[in-house]
Every structure is written in C-alpha cells, then in structure tokens.
Protein backbone atom coordinates (compact mmCIF):
# COMPACT_ATOMS: atom_id res chain seq x y z
CA GLY A 1 1.55 -8.25 -6.35
CA VAL A 2 -0.47 -6.08 -4.30
CA GLY A 3 -1.75 -2.88 -6.83
CA GLY A 4 0.75 -3.60 -9.62
CA VAL A 5 3.38 -4.04 -7.27
CA TRP A 6 5.71 -7.09 -7.04
CA THR A 7 8.44 -8.35 -5.11
CA THR A 8 11.75 -8.91 -6.62
CA CYS A 9 12.31 -12.71 -7.46
CA PRO A 10 11.99 -15.15 -5.72
CA GLY A 11 9.88 -13.26 -3.69
CA TRP A 12 8.55 -14.15 -0.18
CA PRO A 13 9.78 -17.26 1.23
CA LEU A 14 7.69 -20.21 2.57
CA HIS A 15 8.51 -21.91 5.64
CA PRO A 16 7.31 -25.47 6.81
CA ALA A 17 4.51 -25.71 9.11
CA VAL A 18 3.66 -29.03 10.73
CA ALA A 19 -0.39 -28.31 10.83
CA LEU A 20 -2.58 -26.69 8.13
CA PRO A 21 -3.39 -23.62 9.91
CA HIS A 22 -6.60 -22.85 11.99
CA SER A 23 -7.62 -26.27 11.02
CA ARG A 24 -8.86 -28.92 13.57
CA GLU A 25 -8.08 -31.91 10.90
CA ALA A 26 -5.26 -34.11 11.71
CA ARG A 27 -3.01 -34.57 8.79
CA GLY A 28 0.46 -36.26 8.04
CA ASP A 29 1.07 -33.59 5.62
CA ILE A 30 4.05 -30.68 5.64
CA TRP A 31 2.31 -27.31 4.66
CA TRP A 32 4.14 -24.40 3.94
CA VAL A 33 3.14 -20.88 4.49
CA VAL A 34 4.47 -17.52 4.01
CA GLN A 35 2.67 -14.06 5.83
CA VAL A 36 2.13 -11.82 3.36
CA PRO A 37 2.86 -8.00 5.00
CA VAL A 38 -0.28 -6.00 3.66
CA ALA A 39 -2.41 -4.02 5.33
CA ARG A 40 -6.17 -5.04 5.82
CA GLY A 41 -8.76 -3.36 2.96
CA SER A 42 -5.65 -3.13 0.80
CA GLY A 43 -7.28 -4.86 -2.14
CA PRO A 44 -6.47 -8.14 -3.74
CA VAL A 45 -3.37 -9.80 -3.50
CA GLU A 46 -2.17 -11.59 -6.80
CA PHE A 47 0.84 -14.16 -6.61
CA VAL A 48 1.98 -17.07 -8.41
CA LEU A 49 4.72 -19.29 -6.36
CA ASN A 50 8.33 -20.84 -7.81
CA ASP A 51 11.26 -22.90 -6.62
CA GLY A 52 13.55 -19.43 -5.95
CA GLY A 53 14.25 -20.38 -9.45
CA ASN A 54 12.74 -20.63 -12.62
CA SER A 55 9.96 -22.95 -12.07
CA TRP A 56 6.78 -21.10 -11.57
CA ASP A 57 3.50 -22.80 -10.05
CA GLN A 58 -0.11 -21.05 -11.19
CA PRO A 59 -3.21 -21.83 -11.40
CA PRO A 60 -4.89 -24.25 -13.89
CA GLY A 61 -4.90 -22.26 -17.07
CA GLY A 62 -2.16 -19.93 -16.26
CA GLY A 63 -2.40 -16.48 -14.93
CA ASN A 64 -2.14 -15.76 -11.39
CA TYR A 65 -3.62 -17.23 -8.05
CA LYS A 66 -5.63 -13.87 -6.49
CA ALA A 67 -7.02 -13.46 -2.97
CA GLU A 68 -9.64 -11.02 -3.28
CA HIS A 69 -9.40 -9.89 0.19
CA SER A 70 -7.30 -10.55 3.82
CA GLY A 71 -7.53 -13.09 5.04
CA ILE A 72 -6.05 -16.87 5.72
CA PHE A 73 -6.16 -18.88 2.77
CA VAL A 74 -4.93 -22.46 1.88
CA LEU A 75 -3.56 -23.23 -1.53
CA GLU A 76 -3.92 -26.71 -2.82
CA LYS A 77 -4.01 -28.49 -5.69
CA GLY A 78 -4.41 -25.74 -8.02
CA LYS A 79 -7.38 -24.05 -5.84
CA LEU A 80 -7.10 -21.45 -3.23
CA LYS A 81 -9.55 -21.36 -0.26
CA CYS A 82 -10.39 -19.07 2.33
CA LEU A 83 -10.29 -20.48 5.57
CA GLU A 84 -10.87 -17.07 7.76
CA SER A 85 -11.44 -13.36 6.92
C-alpha cells in the first residue's frame, strides 16, 4: 500500500517477461513484472504477493516487502533489490 491505502484483492496483476528488466545478464528464467502506478516521491510502497487467491508470499520473518523510493526493483528469493532509481 501507499500511505496506508491498499488495493482490493487480488491487487495488480503480474505479467510474464522474457528477461529481467534493465539487466544484461542472460538467464533462461521467466520473470514476472508489475507496474505500480505511483508518482515519484510519493513515499514508500509496501506490498506482498499472492496467487490471486489465499496464498501469500511475504519476506522472511513475515510482514510486508517495502520499496523505500521509486525505481525498478527485483524480488528474488525473499530479497528486494533496487536495480535503478
């Protein structure tokens, strides 16, 4: 959510991508992407992922994932990494 406001479940859909955005690394994996419609400088975005139903993915230890600023991020194996801000 942004500013304490959350989307209605299931939230914004993920779409398959053939490559990790903004990466020169060649990988055979399928990546999933989502564009979150927030303005630059609007503050942190907290999120969790779900399967469109009742199964949720949260960071190790629970809680929410959190992007502190706008940018392009990758979430892999429970870790959120900024690729470009």
